[in-house]
Amino acid sequence: MSFAVVDFETTGILPSYHHRVVEIGVTHVEDDGTISFRWETLINPERDLGPQRIHGIHAADVLDAPTFSDVAAEFAELLQGRVFAAHNASFDLRFLQAEFERAGYWLGGGTPHVCKMTLGSRFGLGGSYSLSHACTTYGIDIGHAHSAGADSFAAARLLAAFHAQSNTRPEWLDYRQQAAESGRAYSYPPRTPDRRRGESSK
């Protein structure tokens, strides 16, 4: 099974209160646990940025950044045929669903996923733990915390560490089957360039 490890930085915690995604990070983890690909982009949320002290993103950073609709097709392609993984999957899945629906995408009857907060209880980390704590326990440098790209990469390395210890466990076979069934036929518009923090468009 292969994974798309996703992290969002957002303007708040509740899509139902019109909170939006302001940064996306995606890291691919392959069947053997190797990390094969990284992608990140800032997103113009078309509203205020919320708690900037947490994500560190400023209005100037997203002024010329794409909207979620601009990158939705490319983002969907990065998830295609992979198991969605996130450190706190319930949080990220709420925003995934809300943003894709706003962009006119229908995700069907749910998204196969792995939540590393849930998996952590099987690897000696307890039932609830921060990404920073988990990475410290496994000797993983989290880098720029609360950057979607850095958090996605750190979470992917944590997933690879879990995978190295558990690739023969029965639950992984269930995830593999879910991945095989999760392909969806999207019609992709042309790709849009991604924006990272501190970059400006020309």
Protein backbone atom coordinates (compact mmCIF):
# COMPACT_ATOMS: atom_id res chain seq x y z
CA MET A 1 0.00 0.00 0.00
CA SER A 2 1.15 3.55 -0.62
CA PHE A 3 0.25 6.66 1.31
CA ALA A 4 -0.27 10.38 0.79
CA VAL A 5 0.66 12.04 4.08
CA VAL A 6 -1.12 15.39 4.29
CA ASP A 7 -0.89 18.36 6.60
CA PHE A 8 -2.93 21.55 6.48
CA GLU A 9 -2.33 24.92 8.08
CA THR A 10 -5.69 26.63 8.53
CA THR A 11 -7.33 29.87 9.62
CA GLY A 12 -9.07 28.05 12.48
CA ILE A 13 -10.28 24.64 13.60
CA LEU A 14 -13.84 24.39 12.23
CA PRO A 15 -14.71 24.37 8.52
CA SER A 16 -18.35 24.83 9.56
CA TYR A 17 -17.35 28.30 10.85
CA HIS A 18 -15.90 29.12 7.41
CA HIS A 19 -12.33 28.48 8.48
CA ARG A 20 -10.14 27.75 5.47
CA VAL A 21 -6.89 26.08 4.45
CA VAL A 22 -3.89 28.43 4.07
CA GLU A 23 -1.11 25.92 3.33
CA ILE A 24 -0.96 22.30 2.12
CA GLY A 25 1.87 19.80 2.47
CA VAL A 26 1.85 16.35 0.84
CA THR A 27 4.50 13.63 1.17
CA HIS A 28 4.28 10.25 -0.58
CA VAL A 29 5.30 7.09 1.28
CA GLU A 30 5.60 3.95 -0.85
CA ASP A 31 4.80 0.28 -0.13
CA ASP A 32 8.25 -0.36 1.31
CA GLY A 33 8.18 2.71 3.57
CA THR A 34 10.41 4.91 1.41
CA ILE A 35 9.57 8.58 0.91
CA SER A 36 9.31 9.29 -2.80
CA PHE A 37 7.82 12.75 -3.30
CA ARG A 38 7.13 16.07 -1.54
CA TRP A 39 4.81 18.92 -2.52
CA GLU A 40 3.68 22.05 -0.73
CA THR A 41 1.88 25.24 -1.56
CA LEU A 42 0.49 28.30 0.14
CA ILE A 43 -3.22 28.92 -0.39
CA ASN A 44 -5.06 32.21 -0.56
CA PRO A 45 -8.02 31.54 1.78
CA GLU A 46 -10.00 34.52 0.46
CA ARG A 47 -10.55 35.68 4.05
CA ASP A 48 -8.43 36.76 7.04
CA LEU A 49 -5.62 34.40 8.08
CA GLY A 50 -6.76 33.66 11.62
CA PRO A 51 -4.11 32.82 14.28
CA GLN A 52 -0.93 33.96 12.52
CA ARG A 53 1.08 33.38 15.71
CA ILE A 54 0.55 29.64 15.16
CA HIS A 55 1.15 29.16 11.44
CA GLY A 56 3.37 32.20 10.88
CA ILE A 57 1.78 33.02 7.52
CA HIS A 58 1.15 36.68 6.69
CA ALA A 59 -1.12 38.44 4.23
CA ALA A 60 1.80 39.29 1.93
CA ASP A 61 2.66 35.57 1.69
CA VAL A 62 -0.72 34.61 0.23
CA LEU A 63 -1.55 37.75 -1.74
CA ASP A 64 -0.64 36.12 -5.07
CA ALA A 65 -0.95 32.50 -3.92
CA PRO A 66 -3.44 30.18 -5.66
CA THR A 67 -6.85 29.51 -4.15
CA PHE A 68 -7.75 25.96 -3.19
CA SER A 69 -9.86 25.70 -6.35
CA ASP A 70 -6.78 26.61 -8.40
CA VAL A 71 -4.82 23.61 -7.07
CA ALA A 72 -7.69 21.19 -6.36
CA ALA A 73 -7.10 19.04 -9.43
CA GLU A 74 -3.37 18.73 -8.82
CA PHE A 75 -3.95 18.00 -5.14
CA ALA A 76 -6.59 15.36 -5.97
CA GLU A 77 -4.15 13.69 -8.35
CA LEU A 78 -1.56 13.47 -5.56
CA LEU A 79 -4.11 11.60 -3.41
CA GLN A 80 -5.32 9.31 -6.18
CA GLY A 81 -5.00 5.58 -5.41
CA ARG A 82 -3.23 6.19 -2.10
CA VAL A 83 -4.34 5.86 1.49
CA PHE A 84 -4.77 9.31 3.02
CA ALA A 85 -2.62 9.68 6.14
CA ALA A 86 -2.34 12.51 8.64
CA HIS A 87 -1.19 12.93 12.20
CA ASN A 88 -4.67 14.00 13.33
CA ALA A 89 -6.75 12.57 10.50
CA SER A 90 -10.16 13.66 11.78
CA PHE A 91 -9.05 17.31 11.72
CA ASP A 92 -7.45 17.17 8.27
CA LEU A 93 -10.27 15.12 6.74
CA ARG A 94 -12.84 17.73 7.80
CA PHE A 95 -10.92 20.39 5.90
CA LEU A 96 -10.23 18.06 2.96
CA GLN A 97 -13.95 17.37 2.56
CA ALA A 98 -14.99 21.00 3.00
CA GLU A 99 -12.42 22.44 0.60
CA PHE A 100 -13.00 19.86 -2.13
CA GLU A 101 -16.78 20.28 -1.89
CA ARG A 102 -16.38 24.05 -2.13
CA ALA A 103 -14.28 23.49 -5.27
CA GLY A 104 -16.97 21.26 -6.81
CA TYR A 105 -15.45 17.83 -6.06
CA TRP A 106 -17.41 14.98 -4.53
CA LEU A 107 -15.35 12.55 -2.44
CA GLY A 108 -17.99 9.83 -2.24
CA GLY A 109 -18.69 7.79 0.86
CA GLY A 110 -15.61 8.65 2.88
CA THR A 111 -11.85 8.59 2.45
CA PRO A 112 -9.72 5.55 3.43
CA HIS A 113 -7.23 6.90 5.91
CA VAL A 114 -4.59 6.29 8.55
CA CYS A 115 -4.49 8.43 11.70
CA LYS A 116 -1.07 8.36 13.32
CA MET A 117 -2.50 9.52 16.65
CA THR A 118 -4.52 6.28 16.63
CA LEU A 119 -1.63 4.14 15.41
CA GLY A 120 0.63 5.63 18.06
CA SER A 121 -1.17 3.69 20.79
CA ARG A 122 0.17 0.51 19.18
CA PHE A 123 3.73 1.79 19.19
CA GLY A 124 4.17 2.83 22.80
CA LEU A 125 3.12 6.47 22.42
CA GLY A 126 -0.27 6.35 24.14
CA GLY A 127 -3.64 7.19 22.60
CA SER A 128 -3.10 10.92 22.10
CA TYR A 129 0.19 12.71 21.47
CA SER A 130 1.59 15.67 19.59
CA LEU A 131 3.53 15.27 16.37
CA SER A 132 6.49 16.95 18.07
CA HIS A 133 6.43 14.46 20.98
CA ALA A 134 6.13 11.47 18.65
CA CYS A 135 8.98 12.66 16.43
CA THR A 136 11.21 13.31 19.45
CA THR A 137 10.51 9.78 20.70
CA TYR A 138 11.57 8.34 17.33
CA GLY A 139 14.54 10.70 16.87
CA ILE A 140 12.95 12.56 13.95
CA ASP A 141 13.77 16.25 13.40
CA ILE A 142 10.45 18.02 12.87
CA GLY A 143 12.10 21.09 11.35
CA HIS A 144 9.84 24.14 11.00
CA ALA A 145 6.85 23.10 13.13
CA HIS A 146 3.47 24.42 11.93
CA SER A 147 4.69 24.60 8.36
CA ALA A 148 2.50 22.24 6.33
CA GLY A 149 5.42 20.99 4.25
CA ALA A 150 7.67 20.32 7.25
CA ASP A 151 4.88 18.74 9.30
CA SER A 152 3.82 16.51 6.40
CA PHE A 153 7.42 15.35 5.90
CA ALA A 154 7.92 14.71 9.62
CA ALA A 155 4.63 12.79 9.79
CA ALA A 156 5.68 10.76 6.75
CA ARG A 157 8.98 9.83 8.43
CA LEU A 158 7.02 8.81 11.52
CA LEU A 159 4.70 6.67 9.39
CA ALA A 160 7.74 5.05 7.75
CA ALA A 161 9.10 4.26 11.23
CA PHE A 162 5.79 2.65 12.19
CA HIS A 163 5.76 0.77 8.89
CA ALA A 164 9.24 -0.63 9.50
CA GLN A 165 7.97 -2.18 12.74
CA SER A 166 4.63 -3.41 11.51
CA ASN A 167 4.61 -4.27 7.82
CA THR A 168 3.39 -7.79 8.55
CA ARG A 169 0.47 -6.76 10.79
CA PRO A 170 -3.01 -7.69 9.50
CA GLU A 171 -4.35 -4.12 9.76
CA TRP A 172 -1.99 -3.01 7.00
CA LEU A 173 -3.67 -5.47 4.62
CA ASP A 174 -6.98 -3.69 5.27
CA TYR A 175 -5.42 -0.35 4.40
CA ARG A 176 -3.95 -1.83 1.22
CA GLN A 177 -7.40 -3.04 0.14
CA GLN A 178 -8.89 0.37 0.88
CA ALA A 179 -6.19 2.01 -1.23
CA ALA A 180 -6.97 -0.29 -4.15
CA GLU A 181 -10.64 0.69 -3.95
CA SER A 182 -10.11 4.42 -3.49
CA GLY A 183 -9.36 5.43 -7.08
CA ARG A 184 -11.68 8.10 -8.43
CA ALA A 185 -12.00 9.42 -11.97
CA TYR A 186 -11.38 13.17 -11.96
CA SER A 187 -11.01 15.39 -15.01
CA TYR A 188 -7.89 17.43 -14.36
CA PRO A 189 -7.46 21.01 -15.61
CA PRO A 190 -3.92 22.26 -16.38
CA ARG A 191 -1.52 22.20 -13.46
CA THR A 192 -0.89 25.40 -11.52
CA PRO A 193 2.52 26.33 -10.07
CA ASP A 194 2.87 26.00 -6.31
CA ARG A 195 3.88 28.79 -3.95
CA ARG A 196 6.07 28.40 -0.90
CA ARG A 197 6.59 30.80 1.97
CA GLY A 198 8.72 33.81 1.08
CA GLU A 199 8.30 33.33 -2.69
CA SER A 200 6.64 35.98 -4.83
CA SER A 201 5.09 35.61 -8.25
CA LYS A 202 6.75 37.34 -11.19
